[in-house]
Protein backbone atom coordinates (compact mmCIF):
# COMPACT_ATOMS: atom_id res chain seq x y z
CA MET A 1 0.00 0.00 0.00
CA ILE A 2 2.91 2.37 0.64
CA TRP A 3 3.91 2.09 -3.04
CA THR A 4 0.58 3.63 -4.03
CA TYR A 5 1.31 6.77 -2.05
CA VAL A 6 4.93 6.99 -3.17
CA GLY A 7 3.78 6.65 -6.77
CA ASP A 8 1.23 9.42 -6.21
CA ALA A 9 3.95 11.65 -4.76
CA LEU A 10 6.19 11.10 -7.78
CA TRP A 11 3.33 11.97 -10.13
CA VAL A 12 2.55 15.11 -8.15
CA ILE A 13 6.18 16.21 -8.45
CA ALA A 14 6.30 15.45 -12.19
CA LEU A 15 3.00 17.19 -12.89
CA SER A 16 3.96 20.24 -10.87
CA ILE A 17 7.18 20.55 -12.88
CA MET A 18 5.28 20.19 -16.15
CA PHE A 19 2.52 22.65 -15.30
CA SER A 20 4.98 25.17 -13.87
CA ALA A 21 7.08 25.09 -17.04
CA SER A 22 3.96 25.38 -19.18
CA ARG A 23 2.73 28.34 -17.17
CA GLN A 24 6.01 30.19 -17.62
CA ALA A 25 6.09 29.40 -21.34
CA TRP A 26 2.46 30.54 -21.70
CA ARG A 27 3.37 33.92 -20.24
CA ARG A 28 6.33 34.40 -22.59
CA ILE A 29 4.68 33.29 -25.84
CA PRO A 30 2.47 36.00 -27.42
CA ALA A 31 -1.13 35.09 -28.30
CA GLY A 32 -0.78 34.79 -32.08
CA VAL A 33 2.49 32.85 -32.16
CA LYS A 34 2.51 29.15 -33.05
CA PRO A 35 5.41 27.36 -31.30
CA PRO A 36 7.25 24.61 -33.19
CA VAL A 37 6.77 21.20 -31.58
CA MET A 38 8.30 18.14 -33.26
CA GLY A 39 8.70 19.99 -36.55
CA ALA A 40 5.12 21.31 -36.74
CA ARG A 41 3.76 24.73 -35.82
CA LEU A 42 0.94 24.18 -33.35
CA PRO A 43 -1.42 26.66 -31.69
CA ARG A 44 -0.04 28.04 -28.45
CA GLY A 45 -2.56 26.26 -26.21
CA LEU A 46 -2.02 22.88 -27.80
CA ALA A 47 1.77 23.18 -27.84
CA VAL A 48 2.00 24.27 -24.21
CA TRP A 49 -0.80 22.37 -22.45
CA ALA A 50 -1.46 19.13 -24.40
CA LEU A 51 1.26 16.95 -22.89
CA PRO A 52 0.68 18.05 -19.26
CA GLY A 53 -3.06 17.49 -19.72
CA ALA A 54 -2.53 14.03 -21.19
CA ALA A 55 -0.04 13.20 -18.43
CA PHE A 56 -2.60 14.25 -15.82
CA ALA A 57 -5.20 11.93 -17.38
CA LEU A 58 -2.65 9.10 -17.42
CA SER A 59 -1.79 9.76 -13.78
CA LEU A 60 -5.47 9.43 -12.84
CA TRP A 61 -5.68 6.10 -14.65
CA PHE A 62 -2.52 4.87 -12.91
CA ALA A 63 -3.84 6.04 -9.52
CA MET A 64 -7.11 4.19 -10.07
CA SER A 65 -5.25 1.06 -11.19
CA ALA A 66 -2.99 1.15 -8.13
CA ARG A 67 -5.94 1.48 -5.76
CA THR A 68 -8.00 -1.30 -7.30
CA TRP A 69 -5.05 -3.70 -7.62
CA ARG A 70 -5.85 -7.17 -6.32
CA GLY A 71 -2.60 -8.91 -7.30
CA ASP A 72 0.33 -9.88 -5.13
CA ALA A 73 2.93 -7.52 -3.67
CA ASP A 74 5.54 -8.19 -6.36
CA LEU A 75 3.22 -7.06 -9.13
CA ALA A 76 2.21 -4.02 -7.09
CA PHE A 77 5.88 -3.08 -6.88
CA ILE A 78 6.19 -3.47 -10.65
CA LEU A 79 3.18 -1.19 -11.10
CA PHE A 80 4.92 1.35 -8.87
CA GLY A 81 8.00 1.10 -11.09
CA VAL A 82 5.94 1.72 -14.20
CA ARG A 83 4.31 4.73 -12.55
CA ALA A 84 7.66 6.15 -11.42
CA VAL A 85 9.36 5.73 -14.78
CA SER A 86 6.43 7.06 -16.80
CA ALA A 87 6.09 10.15 -14.59
CA SER A 88 9.76 11.05 -14.93
CA LEU A 89 9.94 10.29 -18.65
CA LEU A 90 6.87 12.38 -19.47
CA ALA A 91 8.23 15.29 -17.44
CA LEU A 92 11.58 15.09 -19.21
CA LEU A 93 9.89 14.80 -22.60
CA HIS A 94 7.76 17.84 -21.91
CA LEU A 95 10.72 19.91 -20.73
CA ARG A 96 12.71 18.88 -23.81
CA TRP A 97 9.93 19.78 -26.26
CA LEU A 98 9.10 23.01 -24.48
CA GLY A 99 12.75 24.01 -24.24
CA ALA A 100 13.31 23.39 -27.95
CA ALA A 101 10.20 25.37 -28.85
CA MET A 102 11.21 28.27 -26.61
CA ALA A 103 14.74 28.28 -28.06
CA ALA A 104 13.36 28.39 -31.60
CA LEU A 105 11.01 31.24 -30.72
CA GLU A 106 13.87 33.08 -29.01
CA ARG A 107 16.00 32.79 -32.15
CA GLU A 108 13.08 34.18 -34.18
CA GLY A 109 12.62 37.02 -31.70
CA GLN A 110 8.99 36.11 -30.99
CA LEU A 111 9.11 35.82 -27.19
CA LYS A 112 8.07 38.41 -24.64
CA SER A 113 10.78 39.38 -22.20
């Protein structure tokens, strides 16, 4: 049962990092600018908030799965490992994409100071 709470704590940390970075990027990107994400120019809202929103939905599904788990302790520990790795990887992915988009917009001179 302790792994459920530790997994929740890791997701809270990852989501707070993601939403904090998105909030700062949202403030620096002007309203009409489309940031480049993975080679495509996306609307500001989609580029900044899509991955944190999807990660939040995934975290809810993982939390529900961890609380309704009826397997043995070894499999619960494996579920914790999946939750921990996915939280950290999604946070790193988001920071990488957001950083690359912000760097491209900085080079183009399209960011607010």
